Protein backbone atom coordinates (compact mmCIF):
# COMPACT_ATOMS: atom_id res chain seq x y z
CA CYS A 1 -304.39 38.62 17.39
CA TRP A 2 -302.65 42.04 15.90
CA THR A 3 -299.90 43.82 15.13
CA ARG A 4 -298.28 46.95 16.15
CA SER A 5 -294.41 47.86 14.87
CA ASN A 6 -292.37 45.02 16.57
CA TYR A 7 -294.90 43.43 18.61
CA ILE A 8 -297.41 40.76 17.87
CA TYR A 9 -299.92 40.59 20.93
CA ILE A 10 -301.53 37.18 20.84
CA GLN A 11 -304.01 35.80 23.42
CA ASN A 12 -301.34 34.23 25.81
CA GLY A 13 -297.89 36.63 25.51
CA VAL A 14 -296.38 38.71 23.19
CA TYR A 15 -293.93 38.18 20.05
CA ILE A 16 -290.78 40.51 20.15
CA ASN A 17 -289.06 41.00 17.20
CA GLY A 18 -285.79 43.80 16.63
CA LEU A 19 -283.68 42.80 19.91
CA TYR A 20 -279.96 42.91 20.01
CA LEU A 21 -277.85 41.03 21.50
CA ASP A 22 -274.33 42.85 22.90
CA GLY A 23 -271.57 40.85 24.12
CA ALA A 24 -273.00 37.49 23.10
CA ARG A 25 -275.21 36.17 20.07
CA TRP A 26 -278.02 33.66 19.91
CA ASP A 27 -277.15 30.11 18.83
CA ALA A 28 -280.60 28.82 17.03
CA ALA A 29 -278.61 25.23 17.12
CA THR A 30 -278.60 24.72 20.68
CA GLU A 31 -280.56 27.09 21.65
CA SER A 32 -278.31 29.33 24.06
CA LEU A 33 -276.11 31.99 24.41
CA VAL A 34 -272.68 31.64 22.89
CA ASP A 35 -270.07 34.03 22.47
CA GLN A 36 -269.12 36.88 19.56
CA ILE A 37 -268.00 36.10 16.49
CA LEU A 38 -264.43 38.23 16.42
CA GLY A 39 -264.86 41.84 14.99
CA LYS A 40 -268.55 41.68 15.10
CA LEU A 41 -270.42 44.08 17.89
CA TYR A 42 -274.09 43.16 17.60
CA PHE A 43 -275.82 40.08 16.90
CA PRO A 44 -279.89 39.91 15.77
CA MET A 45 -281.75 38.09 18.50
CA PRO A 46 -284.50 35.88 17.28
CA ILE A 47 -288.04 36.43 18.00
CA ILE A 48 -288.68 35.95 21.49
CA HIS A 49 -292.29 34.80 22.97
CA PHE A 50 -293.25 36.36 26.18
CA LEU A 51 -295.01 34.56 28.19
CA PRO A 52 -296.35 35.56 31.91
CA PHE A 53 -297.04 33.46 34.54
CA GLU A 54 -297.17 33.68 38.19
CA ASN A 55 -294.96 32.20 40.73
CA TYR A 56 -292.28 32.06 38.04
CA VAL A 57 -289.01 30.78 39.12
CA ARG A 58 -285.57 31.70 36.98
CA LYS A 59 -283.74 28.12 36.45
CA PRO A 60 -280.20 28.79 37.99
CA GLU A 61 -278.16 27.57 34.99
CA HIS A 62 -280.46 30.87 32.88
CA TYR A 63 -278.49 34.20 32.86
CA ARG A 64 -280.56 37.07 33.67
CA CYS A 65 -279.99 39.44 30.54
CA PRO A 66 -280.37 43.00 31.31
CA CYS A 67 -282.81 44.88 28.40
CA TYR A 68 -281.76 48.10 27.37
CA LYS A 69 -283.72 50.61 25.06
CA THR A 70 -280.33 51.76 23.66
CA SER A 71 -276.93 50.77 23.73
CA ASN A 72 -275.74 53.26 25.67
CA ARG A 73 -277.10 51.70 28.57
CA ALA A 74 -277.12 54.86 30.51
CA GLY A 75 -280.03 56.77 32.24
CA VAL A 76 -281.52 58.86 34.45
CA LEU A 77 -282.75 57.13 38.20
CA SER A 78 -286.29 56.84 38.25
CA THR A 79 -288.63 57.03 41.58
CA THR A 80 -288.36 53.18 41.44
CA GLY A 81 -284.79 53.03 41.60
CA GLN A 82 -284.63 52.22 38.44
CA SER A 83 -282.71 53.42 34.56
CA THR A 84 -284.97 55.16 32.80
CA ASN A 85 -282.98 52.97 29.75
CA PHE A 86 -283.59 49.51 31.45
CA ILE A 87 -286.42 47.61 30.24
CA LEU A 88 -286.48 44.32 32.24
CA PRO A 89 -284.56 41.59 32.37
CA VAL A 90 -285.15 38.42 30.20
CA ASP A 91 -283.85 35.04 31.40
CA LEU A 92 -282.19 33.15 28.10
CA PRO A 93 -280.56 29.83 28.75
CA THR A 94 -277.11 29.10 28.33
CA LYS A 95 -274.09 26.12 27.94
CA MET A 96 -271.52 28.35 30.31
CA SER A 97 -271.97 30.18 33.95
CA PRO A 98 -274.07 32.61 33.77
CA ASP A 99 -271.40 34.95 35.82
CA PHE A 100 -269.40 34.39 32.54
CA TRP A 101 -271.84 36.37 30.53
CA THR A 102 -272.64 39.09 33.29
CA LEU A 103 -268.65 39.67 33.48
CA ARG A 104 -269.23 40.02 29.50
CA GLY A 105 -271.75 42.89 29.95
CA THR A 106 -274.28 40.63 27.55
CA ALA A 107 -277.27 42.46 27.26
CA LEU A 108 -280.19 43.26 24.61
CA LEU A 109 -280.77 46.41 23.02
CA CYS A 110 -283.66 47.72 21.43
CA GLN A 111 -281.68 49.87 19.19
CA LEU A 112 -278.49 50.37 17.88
CA ASP A 113 -276.42 53.51 17.64
CA ASP A 114 -276.48 55.10 13.97
């Protein structure tokens, strides 16, 4: 186990700290996405344990939340066809339809605007 900035590397995966939710908030009691509090744009996400494994199948009730480097969400298209600001999708549990969060533009952000 060793640390570097906002991540902790372990033998099986990595813990990530310091992400923010835009368009939703995380409810620890239900362990799922819930609606924002009126008047507040960004909510800190708790530590996430990324544990990769082969043949992963996403649960249809999970929202595939895009994770971006900045809140701008714009970037130059790379040779892979993806934005240079996009990092990866993160599947998050939700009690509502994943389409609800897609229409809201819900995303994870690595840093907020100054």
